[in-house]
């Protein structure tokens, strides 16, 4: 009986340990803390979020008026019940802003007031509880061709976009950050499910 009791105790401890490990891997190893890319899209070792970091000196240069001094954008996505969510301009490795906001406007990509721009916004799939990042882009995959997205700049000017493309790409694929010939586009990025190893990309074209 003593041997059986010991074995049951060991099995119980093993199951508890496995449960703790599973929870830890979910919250800390697969996207809650998120991963940010290194220079030119290299991946860091923390999680699997993979936001590229662009070299602004060599990045795409859309035709530009300067636009508002404050580069913060506000995002409305009715299909996802996202309303008036602030999105700051930040580098892809700025985890503080990725944590505290719905997402970031990727520094080095275009703005909605620029002709030929690719306005690139990245957000967590899981994010951090009790912050604006929590489940921010959890349902990004519900967006379909024809769905509307509104971006508002710091001066209150609205820009309307309509979804035209959904695609999954590798973490090192920087092509999705570049301008699309003949279009003014908005790109939304999050990680894929269930293993967070790739990027889910949704692109929308500016219509007004």
N, C-alpha and C. Protein backbone atom coordinates (compact mmCIF):
# COMPACT_ATOMS: atom_id res chain seq x y z
N UNK A 1 0.83 -1.21 0.00
CA UNK A 1 0.00 0.00 0.00
C UNK A 1 0.86 1.25 0.00
N UNK A 2 1.96 1.17 0.77
CA UNK A 2 2.83 2.35 0.84
C UNK A 2 3.46 2.65 -0.51
N UNK A 3 3.85 1.55 -1.22
CA UNK A 3 4.44 1.73 -2.55
C UNK A 3 3.43 2.34 -3.51
N UNK A 4 2.18 1.81 -3.47
CA UNK A 4 1.13 2.34 -4.34
C UNK A 4 0.86 3.81 -4.05
N UNK A 5 0.82 4.15 -2.77
CA UNK A 5 0.59 5.54 -2.37
C UNK A 5 1.70 6.44 -2.88
N UNK A 6 2.93 5.95 -2.79
CA UNK A 6 4.07 6.73 -3.27
C UNK A 6 4.00 6.96 -4.77
N UNK A 7 3.64 5.88 -5.50
CA UNK A 7 3.52 6.00 -6.96
C UNK A 7 2.43 6.99 -7.34
N UNK A 8 1.28 6.89 -6.67
CA UNK A 8 0.18 7.83 -6.95
C UNK A 8 0.59 9.26 -6.66
N UNK A 9 1.34 9.45 -5.58
CA UNK A 9 1.81 10.80 -5.24
C UNK A 9 2.74 11.33 -6.31
N UNK A 10 3.64 10.47 -6.79
CA UNK A 10 4.57 10.88 -7.84
C UNK A 10 3.83 11.20 -9.13
N UNK A 11 2.83 10.37 -9.47
CA UNK A 11 2.03 10.64 -10.67
C UNK A 11 1.28 11.96 -10.55
N UNK A 12 0.75 12.23 -9.37
CA UNK A 12 0.04 13.49 -9.15
C UNK A 12 0.96 14.68 -9.33
N UNK A 13 2.17 14.56 -8.76
CA UNK A 13 3.14 15.64 -8.92
C UNK A 13 3.53 15.83 -10.37
N UNK A 14 3.67 14.72 -11.10
CA UNK A 14 4.02 14.81 -12.51
C UNK A 14 2.93 15.50 -13.31
N UNK A 15 1.67 15.16 -13.01
CA UNK A 15 0.55 15.79 -13.71
C UNK A 15 0.47 17.28 -13.40
N UNK A 16 0.68 17.62 -12.13
CA UNK A 16 0.68 19.04 -11.76
C UNK A 16 1.79 19.78 -12.48
N UNK A 17 2.99 19.16 -12.51
CA UNK A 17 4.11 19.79 -13.20
C UNK A 17 3.84 19.98 -14.67
N UNK A 18 3.23 18.96 -15.29
CA UNK A 18 2.90 19.07 -16.71
C UNK A 18 1.90 20.19 -16.96
N UNK A 19 0.92 20.30 -16.05
CA UNK A 19 -0.08 21.38 -16.19
C UNK A 19 0.55 22.75 -16.08
N UNK A 20 1.44 22.90 -15.10
CA UNK A 20 2.13 24.19 -14.93
C UNK A 20 2.96 24.51 -16.16
N UNK A 21 3.67 23.49 -16.68
CA UNK A 21 4.50 23.71 -17.87
C UNK A 21 3.65 24.12 -19.06
N UNK A 22 2.48 23.48 -19.21
CA UNK A 22 1.59 23.81 -20.32
C UNK A 22 1.09 25.24 -20.22
N UNK A 23 0.68 25.62 -19.01
CA UNK A 23 0.21 26.99 -18.82
C UNK A 23 1.33 27.98 -19.07
N UNK A 24 2.52 27.68 -18.57
CA UNK A 24 3.65 28.59 -18.76
C UNK A 24 3.99 28.73 -20.23
N UNK A 25 3.95 27.61 -20.96
CA UNK A 25 4.28 27.69 -22.38
C UNK A 25 3.24 28.50 -23.13
N UNK A 26 1.98 28.42 -22.71
CA UNK A 26 0.91 29.18 -23.36
C UNK A 26 1.08 30.68 -23.14
N UNK A 27 1.35 31.05 -21.89
CA UNK A 27 1.41 32.47 -21.57
C UNK A 27 2.75 33.11 -21.88
N UNK A 28 3.84 32.36 -21.79
CA UNK A 28 5.15 32.98 -21.90
C UNK A 28 5.96 32.52 -23.10
N UNK A 29 5.63 31.38 -23.65
CA UNK A 29 6.47 30.87 -24.71
C UNK A 29 5.87 30.91 -26.09
N UNK A 30 4.56 31.22 -26.19
CA UNK A 30 3.93 31.10 -27.50
C UNK A 30 3.10 32.31 -27.87
N UNK A 31 3.50 33.47 -27.41
CA UNK A 31 2.83 34.63 -27.96
C UNK A 31 2.28 35.62 -26.97
N UNK A 32 2.06 35.25 -25.70
CA UNK A 32 1.53 36.25 -24.79
C UNK A 32 2.55 37.33 -24.54
N UNK A 33 3.78 36.90 -24.27
CA UNK A 33 4.84 37.89 -24.16
C UNK A 33 5.22 38.40 -25.53
N UNK A 34 4.99 37.56 -26.53
CA UNK A 34 5.23 38.02 -27.89
C UNK A 34 6.69 38.01 -28.24
N UNK A 35 6.95 37.82 -29.53
CA UNK A 35 8.32 37.90 -30.03
C UNK A 35 8.41 39.08 -30.97
N UNK A 36 9.54 39.72 -30.98
CA UNK A 36 9.76 40.81 -31.91
C UNK A 36 10.92 40.44 -32.80
N UNK A 37 10.87 40.92 -34.02
CA UNK A 37 11.93 40.58 -34.95
C UNK A 37 13.19 41.36 -34.65
N UNK A 38 14.30 40.85 -35.18
CA UNK A 38 15.54 41.59 -35.10
C UNK A 38 15.69 42.46 -36.31
N UNK A 39 16.88 43.00 -36.54
CA UNK A 39 17.14 43.85 -37.68
C UNK A 39 16.90 43.07 -38.96
N UNK A 40 16.22 43.73 -39.92
CA UNK A 40 15.90 43.13 -41.21
C UNK A 40 15.12 41.83 -41.06
N UNK A 41 14.24 41.77 -40.03
CA UNK A 41 13.31 40.66 -39.92
C UNK A 41 13.83 39.44 -39.22
N UNK A 42 15.04 39.46 -38.66
CA UNK A 42 15.52 38.30 -37.92
C UNK A 42 14.69 38.10 -36.67
N UNK A 43 14.53 36.85 -36.25
CA UNK A 43 13.70 36.55 -35.11
C UNK A 43 14.51 36.58 -33.82
N UNK A 44 13.90 37.10 -32.75
CA UNK A 44 14.53 36.99 -31.45
C UNK A 44 14.12 35.67 -30.82
N UNK A 45 14.62 35.37 -29.62
CA UNK A 45 14.37 34.08 -29.00
C UNK A 45 13.18 34.12 -28.04
N UNK A 46 12.52 35.25 -27.87
CA UNK A 46 11.43 35.36 -26.90
C UNK A 46 10.10 35.19 -27.61
N UNK A 47 9.46 34.03 -27.46
CA UNK A 47 8.16 33.81 -28.06
C UNK A 47 8.23 33.72 -29.57
N UNK A 48 7.10 34.00 -30.22
CA UNK A 48 7.03 33.83 -31.67
C UNK A 48 6.18 34.92 -32.32
N UNK A 49 6.32 36.17 -31.91
CA UNK A 49 5.45 37.19 -32.48
C UNK A 49 5.99 37.74 -33.79
N UNK A 50 7.27 38.02 -33.89
CA UNK A 50 7.90 38.32 -35.17
C UNK A 50 7.43 39.61 -35.84
N UNK A 51 7.68 40.74 -35.24
CA UNK A 51 7.46 42.02 -35.92
C UNK A 51 8.77 42.46 -36.53
N UNK A 52 8.80 42.77 -37.83
CA UNK A 52 10.08 43.19 -38.42
C UNK A 52 10.54 44.53 -37.88
N UNK A 53 11.84 44.72 -37.86
CA UNK A 53 12.44 46.01 -37.54
C UNK A 53 13.07 46.53 -38.82
N UNK A 54 12.59 47.66 -39.31
CA UNK A 54 13.05 48.17 -40.59
C UNK A 54 14.12 49.22 -40.40
N UNK A 55 15.07 49.25 -41.32
CA UNK A 55 16.07 50.30 -41.38
C UNK A 55 15.46 51.46 -42.15
N UNK A 56 15.14 52.56 -41.43
CA UNK A 56 14.43 53.67 -42.07
C UNK A 56 15.24 54.33 -43.17
N UNK A 57 16.56 54.21 -43.12
CA UNK A 57 17.38 54.84 -44.14
C UNK A 57 17.29 54.12 -45.48
N UNK A 58 16.91 52.83 -45.43
CA UNK A 58 16.82 52.06 -46.67
C UNK A 58 15.41 51.55 -46.94
N UNK A 59 14.47 51.89 -46.07
CA UNK A 59 13.10 51.42 -46.21
C UNK A 59 12.37 52.10 -47.35
N UNK A 60 11.15 51.62 -47.65
CA UNK A 60 10.37 52.20 -48.74
C UNK A 60 10.03 53.65 -48.47
N UNK A 61 10.05 54.47 -49.50
CA UNK A 61 9.80 55.91 -49.36
C UNK A 61 8.60 56.31 -50.23
N UNK A 62 7.38 56.29 -49.68
CA UNK A 62 6.24 56.77 -50.45
C UNK A 62 6.31 58.27 -50.63
N UNK A 63 5.58 58.78 -51.64
CA UNK A 63 5.52 60.23 -51.81
C UNK A 63 4.89 60.82 -50.57
N UNK A 64 5.42 61.95 -50.12
CA UNK A 64 5.04 62.40 -48.79
C UNK A 64 4.74 63.87 -48.67
N UNK A 65 3.52 64.21 -48.19
CA UNK A 65 3.42 65.39 -47.35
C UNK A 65 3.74 64.93 -45.92
N UNK A 66 4.13 65.84 -45.08
CA UNK A 66 4.59 65.47 -43.74
C UNK A 66 3.47 64.93 -42.86
N UNK A 67 2.25 65.46 -43.00
CA UNK A 67 1.17 65.01 -42.14
C UNK A 67 1.28 65.60 -40.75
N UNK A 68 0.43 65.14 -39.81
CA UNK A 68 0.44 65.67 -38.45
C UNK A 68 1.78 65.42 -37.75
N UNK A 69 2.13 66.32 -36.85
CA UNK A 69 3.36 66.13 -36.06
C UNK A 69 3.24 64.88 -35.18
N UNK A 70 2.06 64.70 -34.59
CA UNK A 70 1.78 63.50 -33.80
C UNK A 70 1.41 62.37 -34.76
N UNK A 71 2.23 61.34 -34.81
CA UNK A 71 2.02 60.24 -35.77
C UNK A 71 1.10 59.14 -35.25
N UNK A 72 0.52 59.32 -34.07
CA UNK A 72 -0.41 58.32 -33.54
C UNK A 72 -1.64 58.21 -34.42
N UNK A 73 -2.04 56.98 -34.71
CA UNK A 73 -3.23 56.71 -35.51
C UNK A 73 -4.31 56.11 -34.62
N UNK A 74 -5.56 56.27 -35.04
CA UNK A 74 -6.69 55.64 -34.35
C UNK A 74 -7.35 54.67 -35.32
N UNK A 75 -7.63 53.46 -34.84
CA UNK A 75 -8.13 52.39 -35.71
C UNK A 75 -9.54 51.98 -35.30
N UNK A 76 -10.41 51.83 -36.31
CA UNK A 76 -11.75 51.29 -36.11
C UNK A 76 -11.95 50.13 -37.08
N UNK A 77 -12.28 48.95 -36.53
CA UNK A 77 -12.54 47.77 -37.35
C UNK A 77 -13.88 47.19 -36.89
N UNK A 78 -15.00 47.60 -37.49
CA UNK A 78 -16.31 47.17 -37.00
C UNK A 78 -16.47 45.65 -36.92
N UNK A 79 -15.97 44.91 -37.90
CA UNK A 79 -16.14 43.45 -37.92
C UNK A 79 -15.50 42.80 -36.69
N UNK A 80 -14.43 43.43 -36.16
CA UNK A 80 -13.72 42.89 -35.00
C UNK A 80 -14.10 43.61 -33.71
N UNK A 81 -15.06 44.53 -33.79
CA UNK A 81 -15.49 45.32 -32.63
C UNK A 81 -14.33 46.12 -32.03
N UNK A 82 -13.43 46.57 -32.89
CA UNK A 82 -12.35 47.47 -32.48
C UNK A 82 -12.82 48.90 -32.74
N UNK A 83 -12.81 49.74 -31.71
CA UNK A 83 -13.32 51.10 -31.85
C UNK A 83 -12.37 52.09 -31.19
N UNK A 84 -11.95 53.09 -31.97
CA UNK A 84 -11.13 54.20 -31.47
C UNK A 84 -9.90 53.70 -30.70
N UNK A 85 -9.23 52.73 -31.25
CA UNK A 85 -8.02 52.18 -30.62
C UNK A 85 -6.79 52.95 -31.07
N UNK A 86 -6.04 53.49 -30.12
CA UNK A 86 -4.84 54.27 -30.44
C UNK A 86 -3.70 53.33 -30.84
N UNK A 87 -2.97 53.74 -31.89
CA UNK A 87 -1.83 52.96 -32.39
C UNK A 87 -0.65 53.91 -32.57
N UNK A 88 0.37 53.83 -31.72
CA UNK A 88 1.53 54.72 -31.83
C UNK A 88 2.50 54.26 -32.90
N UNK A 89 3.33 55.18 -33.37
CA UNK A 89 4.42 54.87 -34.29
C UNK A 89 5.58 54.32 -33.47
N UNK A 90 6.08 53.13 -33.80
CA UNK A 90 7.13 52.51 -32.98
C UNK A 90 7.90 51.49 -33.80
N UNK A 91 9.11 51.18 -33.32
CA UNK A 91 9.90 50.12 -33.94
C UNK A 91 9.32 48.75 -33.59
N UNK A 92 9.63 47.77 -34.43
CA UNK A 92 9.08 46.44 -34.24
C UNK A 92 9.53 45.75 -32.97
N UNK A 93 10.61 46.22 -32.35
CA UNK A 93 11.08 45.60 -31.11
C UNK A 93 10.69 46.40 -29.87
N UNK A 94 9.74 47.32 -30.02
CA UNK A 94 9.29 48.13 -28.88
C UNK A 94 8.17 47.37 -28.16
N UNK A 95 8.56 46.41 -27.32
CA UNK A 95 7.57 45.56 -26.66
C UNK A 95 6.72 46.34 -25.67
N UNK A 96 7.23 47.45 -25.13
CA UNK A 96 6.43 48.25 -24.20
C UNK A 96 5.18 48.79 -24.90
N UNK A 97 5.36 49.30 -26.12
CA UNK A 97 4.20 49.82 -26.86
C UNK A 97 3.33 48.69 -27.39
N UNK A 98 3.95 47.59 -27.80
CA UNK A 98 3.15 46.43 -28.23
C UNK A 98 2.30 45.89 -27.08
N UNK A 99 2.79 46.06 -25.86
CA UNK A 99 2.06 45.60 -24.69
C UNK A 99 0.92 46.54 -24.33
N UNK A 100 1.14 47.84 -24.44
CA UNK A 100 0.20 48.81 -23.89
C UNK A 100 -0.87 49.28 -24.86
N UNK A 101 -0.73 48.93 -26.16
CA UNK A 101 -1.68 49.41 -27.16
C UNK A 101 -2.25 48.24 -27.96
N UNK A 102 -3.30 48.53 -28.72
CA UNK A 102 -3.85 47.54 -29.65
C UNK A 102 -2.75 46.97 -30.54
N UNK A 103 -1.86 47.84 -30.98
CA UNK A 103 -0.75 47.46 -31.83
C UNK A 103 0.13 48.66 -32.06
N UNK A 104 1.08 48.52 -32.99
CA UNK A 104 1.96 49.63 -33.34
C UNK A 104 1.91 49.86 -34.84
N UNK A 105 2.10 51.14 -35.22
CA UNK A 105 2.40 51.44 -36.62
C UNK A 105 3.89 51.23 -36.78
N UNK A 106 4.27 50.34 -37.69
CA UNK A 106 5.67 49.96 -37.82
C UNK A 106 6.49 51.11 -38.39
N UNK A 107 7.42 51.58 -37.57
CA UNK A 107 8.30 52.68 -37.96
C UNK A 107 9.06 52.29 -39.23
N UNK A 108 9.09 53.22 -40.19
CA UNK A 108 9.74 52.95 -41.46
C UNK A 108 8.77 52.60 -42.57
N UNK A 109 7.47 52.40 -42.22
CA UNK A 109 6.44 52.20 -43.25
C UNK A 109 5.62 53.47 -43.39
N UNK A 110 4.71 53.48 -44.35
CA UNK A 110 4.01 54.71 -44.72
C UNK A 110 2.89 55.10 -43.77
N UNK A 111 2.34 56.28 -44.03
CA UNK A 111 1.20 56.81 -43.29
C UNK A 111 0.04 57.03 -44.25
N UNK A 112 -1.19 57.09 -43.74
CA UNK A 112 -2.36 57.16 -44.63
C UNK A 112 -2.44 58.44 -45.46
N UNK A 113 -1.78 59.50 -45.04
CA UNK A 113 -1.81 60.75 -45.80
C UNK A 113 -0.78 60.76 -46.94
N UNK A 114 0.01 59.70 -47.05
CA UNK A 114 1.03 59.62 -48.09
C UNK A 114 0.54 58.82 -49.29
N UNK A 115 0.83 59.32 -50.47
CA UNK A 115 0.44 58.61 -51.69
C UNK A 115 1.34 57.39 -51.90
N UNK A 116 0.74 56.26 -52.23
CA UNK A 116 1.50 55.04 -52.48
C UNK A 116 2.03 54.37 -51.24
N UNK A 117 1.47 54.70 -50.08
CA UNK A 117 1.98 54.17 -48.81
C UNK A 117 1.44 52.78 -48.50
N UNK A 118 2.22 52.03 -47.74
CA UNK A 118 1.76 50.81 -47.09
C UNK A 118 1.78 51.10 -45.59
N UNK A 119 0.61 51.34 -45.01
CA UNK A 119 0.49 51.66 -43.59
C UNK A 119 0.46 50.33 -42.83
N UNK A 120 1.54 50.01 -42.13
CA UNK A 120 1.73 48.67 -41.57
C UNK A 120 1.50 48.70 -40.06
N UNK A 121 0.50 47.95 -39.60
CA UNK A 121 0.15 47.89 -38.18
C UNK A 121 0.24 46.45 -37.70
N UNK A 122 0.98 46.23 -36.62
CA UNK A 122 1.15 44.90 -36.05
C UNK A 122 0.59 44.86 -34.63
N UNK A 123 -0.11 43.78 -34.31
CA UNK A 123 -0.67 43.62 -32.97
C UNK A 123 -0.62 42.18 -32.51
N UNK A 124 -0.63 41.97 -31.20
CA UNK A 124 -0.57 40.63 -30.62
C UNK A 124 -1.85 39.84 -30.89
N UNK A 125 -1.69 38.54 -31.02
CA UNK A 125 -2.85 37.65 -31.09
C UNK A 125 -3.41 37.43 -29.68
N UNK A 126 -2.53 37.18 -28.72
CA UNK A 126 -2.94 36.98 -27.33
C UNK A 126 -2.75 38.25 -26.51
N UNK A 127 -1.54 38.76 -26.46
CA UNK A 127 -1.28 39.99 -25.73
C UNK A 127 -1.20 39.79 -24.23
N UNK A 128 -1.34 40.89 -23.50
CA UNK A 128 -1.18 40.90 -22.05
C UNK A 128 -2.52 41.19 -21.39
N UNK A 129 -2.96 40.37 -20.43
CA UNK A 129 -4.21 40.65 -19.73
C UNK A 129 -4.19 42.04 -19.10
N UNK A 130 -5.36 42.66 -19.08
CA UNK A 130 -5.56 43.98 -18.47
C UNK A 130 -4.82 45.10 -19.19
N UNK A 131 -4.49 44.89 -20.47
CA UNK A 131 -3.93 45.95 -21.30
C UNK A 131 -4.70 45.97 -22.61
N UNK A 132 -4.49 47.04 -23.41
CA UNK A 132 -5.17 47.14 -24.70
C UNK A 132 -4.67 46.10 -25.70
N UNK A 133 -3.54 45.46 -25.40
CA UNK A 133 -3.02 44.44 -26.31
C UNK A 133 -3.70 43.09 -26.15
N UNK A 134 -4.46 42.91 -25.07
CA UNK A 134 -5.02 41.59 -24.78
C UNK A 134 -6.03 41.17 -25.83
N UNK A 135 -5.72 40.09 -26.55
CA UNK A 135 -6.57 39.55 -27.62
C UNK A 135 -6.85 40.59 -28.71
N UNK A 136 -5.91 41.53 -28.87
CA UNK A 136 -6.12 42.66 -29.79
C UNK A 136 -6.48 42.20 -31.19
N UNK A 137 -5.67 41.30 -31.75
CA UNK A 137 -5.92 40.80 -33.10
C UNK A 137 -6.25 39.30 -33.07
N UNK A 138 -6.86 38.86 -31.97
CA UNK A 138 -7.21 37.45 -31.84
C UNK A 138 -8.07 36.97 -33.01
N UNK A 139 -9.03 37.81 -33.44
CA UNK A 139 -9.95 37.42 -34.50
C UNK A 139 -9.65 38.13 -35.81
N UNK A 140 -8.39 38.46 -36.05
CA UNK A 140 -8.03 39.12 -37.31
C UNK A 140 -8.45 38.27 -38.50
N UNK A 141 -8.47 36.95 -38.32
CA UNK A 141 -8.80 36.08 -39.44
C UNK A 141 -10.27 36.10 -39.83
N UNK A 142 -11.11 36.83 -39.08
CA UNK A 142 -12.52 36.94 -39.50
C UNK A 142 -12.69 37.95 -40.63
N UNK A 143 -11.70 38.81 -40.84
CA UNK A 143 -11.82 39.82 -41.89
C UNK A 143 -11.80 39.16 -43.26
N UNK A 144 -12.70 39.64 -44.13
CA UNK A 144 -12.84 39.11 -45.47
C UNK A 144 -12.82 40.25 -46.48
N UNK A 145 -12.63 39.90 -47.73
CA UNK A 145 -12.67 40.91 -48.79
C UNK A 145 -13.96 41.71 -48.70
N UNK A 146 -13.82 43.04 -48.75
CA UNK A 146 -14.98 43.92 -48.68
C UNK A 146 -15.22 44.52 -47.31
N UNK A 147 -14.62 43.95 -46.25
CA UNK A 147 -14.78 44.52 -44.91
C UNK A 147 -14.08 45.86 -44.82
N UNK A 148 -14.64 46.76 -44.02
CA UNK A 148 -14.14 48.14 -43.93
C UNK A 148 -13.31 48.36 -42.67
N UNK A 149 -12.29 49.20 -42.83
CA UNK A 149 -11.43 49.63 -41.73
C UNK A 149 -11.25 51.14 -41.86
N UNK A 150 -11.32 51.84 -40.75
CA UNK A 150 -11.12 53.30 -40.76
C UNK A 150 -9.89 53.65 -39.92
N UNK A 151 -9.03 54.46 -40.51
CA UNK A 151 -7.87 55.01 -39.80
C UNK A 151 -8.08 56.51 -39.67
N UNK A 152 -7.85 57.04 -38.48
CA UNK A 152 -7.98 58.48 -38.24
C UNK A 152 -6.65 59.01 -37.74
N UNK A 153 -6.19 60.12 -38.35
CA UNK A 153 -4.92 60.69 -37.90
C UNK A 153 -5.13 61.64 -36.73
N UNK A 154 -4.03 62.18 -36.20
CA UNK A 154 -4.10 63.02 -35.00
C UNK A 154 -4.82 64.33 -35.23
N UNK A 155 -4.99 64.73 -36.50
CA UNK A 155 -5.75 65.94 -36.82
C UNK A 155 -7.23 65.66 -37.03
N UNK A 156 -7.63 64.40 -36.90
CA UNK A 156 -9.04 64.04 -37.03
C UNK A 156 -9.48 63.67 -38.44
N UNK A 157 -8.55 63.58 -39.38
CA UNK A 157 -8.91 63.21 -40.75
C UNK A 157 -9.04 61.70 -40.85
N UNK A 158 -10.15 61.26 -41.48
CA UNK A 158 -10.42 59.83 -41.61
C UNK A 158 -10.00 59.30 -42.98
N UNK A 159 -9.53 58.06 -42.97
CA UNK A 159 -9.14 57.36 -44.20
C UNK A 159 -9.83 56.00 -44.19
N UNK A 160 -10.60 55.74 -45.23
CA UNK A 160 -11.37 54.50 -45.30
C UNK A 160 -10.63 53.47 -46.16
N UNK A 161 -10.59 52.24 -45.66
CA UNK A 161 -9.94 51.14 -46.36
C UNK A 161 -10.91 49.97 -46.49
N UNK A 162 -10.75 49.20 -47.58
CA UNK A 162 -11.56 48.00 -47.80
C UNK A 162 -10.62 46.81 -48.01
N UNK A 163 -10.86 45.74 -47.26
CA UNK A 163 -10.01 44.55 -47.32
C UNK A 163 -10.06 43.92 -48.71
N UNK A 164 -8.87 43.56 -49.22
CA UNK A 164 -8.80 42.89 -50.52
C UNK A 164 -7.92 41.64 -50.51
N UNK A 165 -7.20 41.37 -49.41
CA UNK A 165 -6.27 40.25 -49.44
C UNK A 165 -6.00 39.74 -48.03
N UNK A 166 -5.95 38.40 -47.88
CA UNK A 166 -5.53 37.76 -46.65
C UNK A 166 -4.50 36.70 -47.03
N UNK A 167 -3.39 36.67 -46.32
CA UNK A 167 -2.31 35.75 -46.67
C UNK A 167 -1.50 35.41 -45.42
N UNK A 168 -0.86 34.24 -45.42
CA UNK A 168 0.06 33.83 -44.36
C UNK A 168 1.47 33.82 -44.94
N UNK A 169 2.41 34.45 -44.22
CA UNK A 169 3.79 34.55 -44.70
C UNK A 169 4.76 34.11 -43.61
N UNK A 170 6.00 33.89 -44.02
CA UNK A 170 7.05 33.53 -43.08
C UNK A 170 7.52 34.77 -42.30
N UNK A 171 8.09 34.58 -41.10
CA UNK A 171 8.54 35.71 -40.29
C UNK A 171 9.59 36.58 -40.98
N UNK A 172 10.35 36.01 -41.89
CA UNK A 172 11.43 36.76 -42.56
C UNK A 172 10.96 37.47 -43.82
N UNK A 173 9.69 37.36 -44.17
CA UNK A 173 9.17 37.95 -45.41
C UNK A 173 8.90 39.44 -45.20
N UNK A 174 9.79 40.29 -45.73
CA UNK A 174 9.63 41.74 -45.60
C UNK A 174 8.84 42.34 -46.75
N UNK A 175 8.51 41.54 -47.75
CA UNK A 175 7.78 42.07 -48.90
C UNK A 175 6.45 42.68 -48.49
N UNK A 176 5.83 42.13 -47.45
CA UNK A 176 4.52 42.62 -47.01
C UNK A 176 4.61 44.00 -46.38
N UNK A 177 5.80 44.48 -46.05
CA UNK A 177 5.96 45.82 -45.47
C UNK A 177 6.13 46.89 -46.55
N UNK A 178 6.32 46.46 -47.79
CA UNK A 178 6.66 47.40 -48.86
C UNK A 178 5.41 47.92 -49.56
N UNK A 179 5.53 49.09 -50.24
CA UNK A 179 4.39 49.62 -50.99
C UNK A 179 3.91 48.63 -52.05
N UNK A 180 2.61 48.69 -52.34
CA UNK A 180 2.00 47.87 -53.39
C UNK A 180 1.78 48.76 -54.61
N UNK A 181 2.42 48.46 -55.73
CA UNK A 181 2.31 49.34 -56.90
C UNK A 181 0.86 49.64 -57.28
N UNK A 182 0.57 50.92 -57.44
CA UNK A 182 -0.75 51.34 -57.88
C UNK A 182 -1.81 51.39 -56.80
N UNK A 183 -1.44 51.13 -55.54
CA UNK A 183 -2.42 51.12 -54.46
C UNK A 183 -1.91 51.90 -53.24
N UNK A 184 -2.84 52.46 -52.48
CA UNK A 184 -2.57 52.97 -51.13
C UNK A 184 -3.14 51.92 -50.18
N UNK A 185 -2.30 51.26 -49.41
CA UNK A 185 -2.77 50.10 -48.65
C UNK A 185 -2.52 50.23 -47.15
N UNK A 186 -3.31 49.47 -46.43
CA UNK A 186 -3.15 49.25 -44.99
C UNK A 186 -2.87 47.77 -44.80
N UNK A 187 -1.84 47.45 -44.02
CA UNK A 187 -1.51 46.05 -43.73
C UNK A 187 -1.63 45.82 -42.23
N UNK A 188 -2.38 44.78 -41.85
CA UNK A 188 -2.50 44.37 -40.46
C UNK A 188 -1.80 43.03 -40.28
N UNK A 189 -1.00 42.93 -39.22
CA UNK A 189 -0.23 41.71 -38.96
C UNK A 189 -0.48 41.18 -37.56
N UNK A 190 -0.62 39.87 -37.46
CA UNK A 190 -0.54 39.19 -36.17
C UNK A 190 0.08 37.82 -36.42
N UNK A 191 0.21 37.00 -35.36
CA UNK A 191 0.80 35.67 -35.53
C UNK A 191 -0.29 34.63 -35.83
N UNK A 192 0.13 33.51 -36.38
CA UNK A 192 -0.81 32.46 -36.75
C UNK A 192 -1.10 31.53 -35.58
N UNK A 193 -2.21 30.85 -35.67
CA UNK A 193 -2.56 29.80 -34.72
C UNK A 193 -2.37 28.43 -35.40
N UNK A 194 -2.05 27.36 -34.65
CA UNK A 194 -1.98 27.33 -33.18
C UNK A 194 -0.58 27.55 -32.62
N UNK A 195 0.45 27.59 -33.49
CA UNK A 195 1.83 27.59 -32.97
C UNK A 195 2.54 28.93 -33.09
N UNK A 196 1.85 29.96 -33.63
CA UNK A 196 2.41 31.32 -33.68
C UNK A 196 3.70 31.42 -34.48
N UNK A 197 3.91 30.49 -35.41
CA UNK A 197 5.20 30.42 -36.10
C UNK A 197 5.27 31.28 -37.36
N UNK A 198 4.11 31.74 -37.86
CA UNK A 198 4.09 32.54 -39.07
C UNK A 198 3.30 33.82 -38.83
N UNK A 199 3.20 34.64 -39.87
CA UNK A 199 2.44 35.88 -39.76
C UNK A 199 1.15 35.78 -40.57
N UNK A 200 0.05 36.16 -39.95
CA UNK A 200 -1.21 36.35 -40.66
C UNK A 200 -1.26 37.80 -41.11
N UNK A 201 -1.44 38.01 -42.41
CA UNK A 201 -1.44 39.35 -42.99
C UNK A 201 -2.80 39.62 -43.63
N UNK A 202 -3.39 40.76 -43.29
CA UNK A 202 -4.61 41.24 -43.95
C UNK A 202 -4.30 42.59 -44.57
N UNK A 203 -4.59 42.75 -45.85
CA UNK A 203 -4.34 44.02 -46.53
C UNK A 203 -5.65 44.63 -47.02
N UNK A 204 -5.72 45.96 -46.92
CA UNK A 204 -6.90 46.71 -47.34
C UNK A 204 -6.45 47.90 -48.18
N UNK A 205 -7.29 48.27 -49.15
CA UNK A 205 -6.96 49.38 -50.04
C UNK A 205 -7.74 50.63 -49.65
N UNK A 206 -7.07 51.78 -49.69
CA UNK A 206 -7.73 53.04 -49.35
C UNK A 206 -8.72 53.41 -50.44
N UNK A 207 -9.95 53.72 -50.01
CA UNK A 207 -11.00 54.09 -50.97
C UNK A 207 -11.46 55.53 -50.80
N UNK A 208 -11.11 56.16 -49.69
CA UNK A 208 -11.44 57.58 -49.50
C UNK A 208 -10.60 58.15 -48.36
